[in-house]
């Protein structure tokens, strides 16, 4: 074995050892730093509201409807982005198809931004009214 091959083998072994050691290294867990007790209090508040559905019936229903609509908008956005990406990949160099796919992606992002801005405004106004 030549000197270059030995050096290459040692170098490869060291790099592989460092990568594997990175997967098995022990790190301290800082779960308390993320405010989990505060999150648990929020969950308890939602449980209490779910147990007493008569409290703020209209606001509870509107919140559920808005959440459902936003979930639906998110799914539509994802479908549009996947469709535009596939269209772009299968354009085969056809510039017209590429531009169409780019426009679809841009329009999907603009639509998502508009919907999220509308939700933010609604949430802000709703908080100020209650």
Foldseek 3Di string as FASTA:
>chain_A
DDPVVVVVVVVVVVVVVVVVCVVVPDDDDDPVVVPVVVVVVVVVVVVVCVVVCVVPVVVVVVVVVLVVVLVVLVVVLVVQLVVLVVQCVPVVPVVVSNVVSVVSNVVSVVVNVVSVVVVVVVVVVVVVVD
